Amino acid sequence: MLSDDQATHVLQALDALDELENAALKLLRAELSSGPTVDGLIADPLTEGSRLDLLCLADTLAVDLLSILGRRESIVRLIESAPSSSARDALAQHLTRGTV
């Protein structure tokens, strides 16, 4: 039996996990929908060292998190419906490597 305090912390952790899942989906949707634009910005020397450089790390973490949470089909649908971009290609490849 959990104490009230323990139960509160467990519920807070589960709520935070839900928020993390929603944020990961939001990140992937935004990046994939703007993929060609992001490609152009990343190729621009003026954006070198910007937070755009972090997208390639954050998006793979988001894919891994969503896969663990059982949202693999959602990721596949996002990737399939996204315009062609390096992010789309990299995420598709990352997702494929994770299924081996």
N, C-alpha and C. Protein backbone atom coordinates (compact mmCIF):
# COMPACT_ATOMS: atom_id res chain seq x y z
N MET A 1 0.84 -1.17 0.00
CA MET A 1 0.00 0.00 0.00
C MET A 1 0.89 1.24 0.00
N LEU A 2 0.57 2.16 -0.87
CA LEU A 2 1.32 3.41 -0.96
C LEU A 2 0.77 4.44 0.02
N SER A 3 1.67 5.21 0.57
CA SER A 3 1.22 6.33 1.39
C SER A 3 0.66 7.42 0.47
N ASP A 4 -0.04 8.37 1.01
CA ASP A 4 -0.58 9.47 0.20
C ASP A 4 0.54 10.23 -0.50
N ASP A 5 1.63 10.43 0.22
CA ASP A 5 2.77 11.15 -0.34
C ASP A 5 3.39 10.37 -1.51
N GLN A 6 3.57 9.07 -1.33
CA GLN A 6 4.12 8.23 -2.39
C GLN A 6 3.20 8.20 -3.60
N ALA A 7 1.91 8.06 -3.36
CA ALA A 7 0.94 8.03 -4.45
C ALA A 7 0.96 9.34 -5.22
N THR A 8 1.08 10.44 -4.51
CA THR A 8 1.15 11.76 -5.16
C THR A 8 2.36 11.84 -6.06
N HIS A 9 3.50 11.37 -5.59
CA HIS A 9 4.73 11.41 -6.39
C HIS A 9 4.64 10.50 -7.61
N VAL A 10 4.04 9.34 -7.45
CA VAL A 10 3.88 8.43 -8.59
C VAL A 10 2.97 9.07 -9.63
N LEU A 11 1.87 9.68 -9.21
CA LEU A 11 0.96 10.33 -10.15
C LEU A 11 1.63 11.51 -10.83
N GLN A 12 2.45 12.27 -10.10
CA GLN A 12 3.18 13.38 -10.70
C GLN A 12 4.17 12.88 -11.75
N ALA A 13 4.83 11.77 -11.46
CA ALA A 13 5.77 11.19 -12.42
C ALA A 13 5.04 10.74 -13.68
N LEU A 14 3.89 10.11 -13.52
CA LEU A 14 3.11 9.66 -14.67
C LEU A 14 2.59 10.85 -15.48
N ASP A 15 2.17 11.91 -14.80
CA ASP A 15 1.74 13.13 -15.50
C ASP A 15 2.90 13.73 -16.29
N ALA A 16 4.08 13.75 -15.68
CA ALA A 16 5.26 14.28 -16.37
C ALA A 16 5.62 13.44 -17.58
N LEU A 17 5.44 12.12 -17.48
CA LEU A 17 5.69 11.24 -18.62
C LEU A 17 4.72 11.55 -19.77
N ASP A 18 3.46 11.80 -19.43
CA ASP A 18 2.48 12.19 -20.45
C ASP A 18 2.89 13.49 -21.13
N GLU A 19 3.34 14.45 -20.35
CA GLU A 19 3.77 15.74 -20.90
C GLU A 19 5.00 15.56 -21.79
N LEU A 20 5.91 14.69 -21.37
CA LEU A 20 7.11 14.41 -22.16
C LEU A 20 6.73 13.76 -23.49
N GLU A 21 5.79 12.84 -23.46
CA GLU A 21 5.32 12.19 -24.68
C GLU A 21 4.72 13.22 -25.64
N ASN A 22 3.89 14.10 -25.10
CA ASN A 22 3.27 15.13 -25.94
C ASN A 22 4.32 16.08 -26.51
N ALA A 23 5.30 16.43 -25.71
CA ALA A 23 6.36 17.33 -26.19
C ALA A 23 7.20 16.65 -27.28
N ALA A 24 7.47 15.36 -27.13
CA ALA A 24 8.24 14.64 -28.14
C ALA A 24 7.48 14.59 -29.47
N LEU A 25 6.18 14.34 -29.42
CA LEU A 25 5.37 14.34 -30.63
C LEU A 25 5.34 15.72 -31.27
N LYS A 26 5.20 16.74 -30.44
CA LYS A 26 5.18 18.12 -30.94
C LYS A 26 6.50 18.47 -31.63
N LEU A 27 7.61 18.08 -31.04
CA LEU A 27 8.93 18.33 -31.63
C LEU A 27 9.05 17.65 -32.99
N LEU A 28 8.69 16.38 -33.06
CA LEU A 28 8.81 15.65 -34.32
C LEU A 28 7.89 16.22 -35.39
N ARG A 29 6.66 16.55 -35.02
CA ARG A 29 5.73 17.12 -36.00
C ARG A 29 6.28 18.43 -36.56
N ALA A 30 6.75 19.28 -35.68
CA ALA A 30 7.25 20.59 -36.11
C ALA A 30 8.49 20.45 -36.98
N GLU A 31 9.41 19.61 -36.56
CA GLU A 31 10.64 19.46 -37.33
C GLU A 31 10.37 18.83 -38.69
N LEU A 32 9.56 17.78 -38.71
CA LEU A 32 9.30 17.10 -39.97
C LEU A 32 8.50 17.97 -40.93
N SER A 33 7.57 18.75 -40.42
CA SER A 33 6.77 19.60 -41.31
C SER A 33 7.58 20.75 -41.89
N SER A 34 8.62 21.14 -41.19
CA SER A 34 9.47 22.23 -41.68
C SER A 34 10.83 21.73 -42.13
N GLY A 35 10.94 20.44 -42.41
CA GLY A 35 12.21 19.81 -42.75
C GLY A 35 13.03 20.51 -43.81
N PRO A 36 12.46 20.82 -44.98
CA PRO A 36 13.26 21.51 -46.01
C PRO A 36 13.78 22.88 -45.55
N THR A 37 12.98 23.59 -44.80
CA THR A 37 13.41 24.89 -44.28
C THR A 37 14.55 24.72 -43.29
N VAL A 38 14.40 23.74 -42.40
CA VAL A 38 15.45 23.47 -41.41
C VAL A 38 16.74 23.06 -42.12
N ASP A 39 16.63 22.25 -43.17
CA ASP A 39 17.82 21.86 -43.94
C ASP A 39 18.56 23.09 -44.44
N GLY A 40 17.81 24.04 -44.99
CA GLY A 40 18.42 25.26 -45.50
C GLY A 40 19.07 26.08 -44.41
N LEU A 41 18.42 26.17 -43.27
CA LEU A 41 18.97 26.94 -42.16
C LEU A 41 20.23 26.29 -41.59
N ILE A 42 20.22 24.97 -41.49
CA ILE A 42 21.38 24.27 -40.95
C ILE A 42 22.58 24.40 -41.89
N ALA A 43 22.31 24.45 -43.19
CA ALA A 43 23.39 24.60 -44.17
C ALA A 43 23.97 26.01 -44.18
N ASP A 44 23.25 26.96 -43.62
CA ASP A 44 23.69 28.37 -43.60
C ASP A 44 24.76 28.56 -42.53
N PRO A 45 25.95 29.09 -42.90
CA PRO A 45 27.01 29.29 -41.91
C PRO A 45 26.61 30.24 -40.78
N LEU A 46 25.62 31.09 -41.02
CA LEU A 46 25.20 32.04 -39.99
C LEU A 46 24.49 31.35 -38.82
N THR A 47 23.96 30.15 -39.05
CA THR A 47 23.26 29.45 -37.97
C THR A 47 24.13 28.40 -37.30
N GLU A 48 25.38 28.29 -37.73
CA GLU A 48 26.27 27.30 -37.12
C GLU A 48 26.42 27.57 -35.63
N GLY A 49 26.33 26.53 -34.85
CA GLY A 49 26.44 26.66 -33.41
C GLY A 49 25.15 27.08 -32.74
N SER A 50 24.07 27.19 -33.50
CA SER A 50 22.79 27.59 -32.92
C SER A 50 22.07 26.36 -32.36
N ARG A 51 20.92 26.60 -31.77
CA ARG A 51 20.13 25.50 -31.22
C ARG A 51 19.64 24.56 -32.31
N LEU A 52 19.67 25.01 -33.56
CA LEU A 52 19.29 24.11 -34.65
C LEU A 52 20.19 22.88 -34.70
N ASP A 53 21.44 23.06 -34.28
CA ASP A 53 22.38 21.93 -34.26
C ASP A 53 21.93 20.84 -33.28
N LEU A 54 21.13 21.21 -32.32
CA LEU A 54 20.67 20.25 -31.31
C LEU A 54 19.50 19.40 -31.79
N LEU A 55 18.86 19.82 -32.89
CA LEU A 55 17.70 19.08 -33.36
C LEU A 55 18.02 17.63 -33.68
N CYS A 56 19.17 17.37 -34.29
CA CYS A 56 19.50 15.99 -34.68
C CYS A 56 19.67 15.09 -33.47
N LEU A 57 20.05 15.64 -32.35
CA LEU A 57 20.14 14.85 -31.13
C LEU A 57 18.77 14.72 -30.46
N ALA A 58 18.08 15.84 -30.37
CA ALA A 58 16.78 15.84 -29.70
C ALA A 58 15.75 15.00 -30.44
N ASP A 59 15.78 15.04 -31.78
CA ASP A 59 14.76 14.28 -32.49
C ASP A 59 14.97 12.78 -32.38
N THR A 60 16.21 12.33 -32.33
CA THR A 60 16.43 10.89 -32.15
C THR A 60 16.05 10.45 -30.74
N LEU A 61 16.30 11.31 -29.76
CA LEU A 61 15.85 11.00 -28.40
C LEU A 61 14.33 10.92 -28.34
N ALA A 62 13.67 11.83 -29.05
CA ALA A 62 12.20 11.83 -29.09
C ALA A 62 11.69 10.55 -29.72
N VAL A 63 12.32 10.10 -30.81
CA VAL A 63 11.92 8.85 -31.46
C VAL A 63 12.12 7.68 -30.52
N ASP A 64 13.24 7.64 -29.83
CA ASP A 64 13.50 6.55 -28.89
C ASP A 64 12.47 6.54 -27.76
N LEU A 65 12.18 7.71 -27.22
CA LEU A 65 11.20 7.81 -26.14
C LEU A 65 9.83 7.34 -26.61
N LEU A 66 9.40 7.84 -27.76
CA LEU A 66 8.09 7.46 -28.26
C LEU A 66 8.02 5.97 -28.60
N SER A 67 9.10 5.41 -29.08
CA SER A 67 9.13 3.97 -29.36
C SER A 67 8.95 3.17 -28.08
N ILE A 68 9.63 3.60 -27.04
CA ILE A 68 9.52 2.92 -25.74
C ILE A 68 8.09 3.01 -25.20
N LEU A 69 7.43 4.13 -25.48
CA LEU A 69 6.06 4.34 -24.99
C LEU A 69 5.01 3.70 -25.90
N GLY A 70 5.46 2.95 -26.90
CA GLY A 70 4.52 2.25 -27.76
C GLY A 70 3.91 3.10 -28.85
N ARG A 71 4.56 4.20 -29.21
CA ARG A 71 4.02 5.10 -30.22
C ARG A 71 4.73 4.95 -31.57
N ARG A 72 5.31 3.82 -31.81
CA ARG A 72 6.07 3.57 -33.03
C ARG A 72 5.25 3.83 -34.30
N GLU A 73 4.01 3.37 -34.31
CA GLU A 73 3.15 3.58 -35.48
C GLU A 73 2.91 5.07 -35.73
N SER A 74 2.77 5.84 -34.68
CA SER A 74 2.60 7.30 -34.83
C SER A 74 3.83 7.91 -35.48
N ILE A 75 4.99 7.45 -35.07
CA ILE A 75 6.24 7.97 -35.64
C ILE A 75 6.32 7.61 -37.12
N VAL A 76 6.00 6.37 -37.45
CA VAL A 76 6.04 5.92 -38.85
C VAL A 76 5.11 6.78 -39.70
N ARG A 77 3.90 7.04 -39.21
CA ARG A 77 2.95 7.87 -39.96
C ARG A 77 3.48 9.29 -40.14
N LEU A 78 4.09 9.85 -39.10
CA LEU A 78 4.66 11.20 -39.21
C LEU A 78 5.76 11.24 -40.27
N ILE A 79 6.62 10.25 -40.23
CA ILE A 79 7.74 10.20 -41.19
C ILE A 79 7.22 10.01 -42.61
N GLU A 80 6.26 9.12 -42.79
CA GLU A 80 5.73 8.85 -44.13
C GLU A 80 5.01 10.06 -44.72
N SER A 81 4.38 10.86 -43.89
CA SER A 81 3.62 12.01 -44.39
C SER A 81 4.46 13.29 -44.49
N ALA A 82 5.69 13.25 -44.02
CA ALA A 82 6.54 14.44 -44.01
C ALA A 82 7.15 14.70 -45.38
N PRO A 83 7.40 15.99 -45.69
CA PRO A 83 8.10 16.28 -46.94
C PRO A 83 9.54 15.77 -46.88
N SER A 84 10.11 15.56 -48.02
CA SER A 84 11.48 15.05 -48.09
C SER A 84 12.44 16.04 -47.42
N SER A 85 13.29 15.52 -46.55
CA SER A 85 14.30 16.34 -45.88
C SER A 85 15.34 15.43 -45.25
N SER A 86 16.44 16.01 -44.83
CA SER A 86 17.46 15.19 -44.18
C SER A 86 16.96 14.67 -42.84
N ALA A 87 16.12 15.44 -42.14
CA ALA A 87 15.57 14.98 -40.87
C ALA A 87 14.68 13.76 -41.09
N ARG A 88 13.85 13.82 -42.12
CA ARG A 88 12.97 12.68 -42.42
C ARG A 88 13.82 11.43 -42.71
N ASP A 89 14.84 11.59 -43.55
CA ASP A 89 15.69 10.45 -43.89
C ASP A 89 16.42 9.91 -42.67
N ALA A 90 16.97 10.81 -41.86
CA ALA A 90 17.73 10.38 -40.68
C ALA A 90 16.83 9.70 -39.65
N LEU A 91 15.62 10.24 -39.45
CA LEU A 91 14.71 9.62 -38.48
C LEU A 91 14.22 8.27 -38.97
N ALA A 92 13.96 8.15 -40.26
CA ALA A 92 13.54 6.85 -40.81
C ALA A 92 14.66 5.83 -40.63
N GLN A 93 15.88 6.25 -40.89
CA GLN A 93 17.01 5.34 -40.73
C GLN A 93 17.21 4.97 -39.26
N HIS A 94 17.08 5.95 -38.37
CA HIS A 94 17.23 5.70 -36.93
C HIS A 94 16.15 4.73 -36.44
N LEU A 95 14.93 4.92 -36.91
CA LEU A 95 13.84 4.05 -36.52
C LEU A 95 14.06 2.63 -37.02
N THR A 96 14.57 2.49 -38.24
CA THR A 96 14.85 1.18 -38.81
C THR A 96 15.95 0.47 -38.03
N ARG A 97 17.00 1.19 -37.65
CA ARG A 97 18.08 0.58 -36.87
C ARG A 97 17.58 0.08 -35.55
N GLY A 98 16.61 0.75 -34.98
CA GLY A 98 16.09 0.34 -33.68
C GLY A 98 15.25 -0.92 -33.70
N THR A 99 14.85 -1.38 -34.92
CA THR A 99 14.01 -2.56 -34.99
C THR A 99 14.79 -3.83 -35.27
N VAL A 100 16.08 -3.73 -35.46
CA VAL A 100 16.87 -4.91 -35.82
C VAL A 100 17.01 -5.85 -34.66
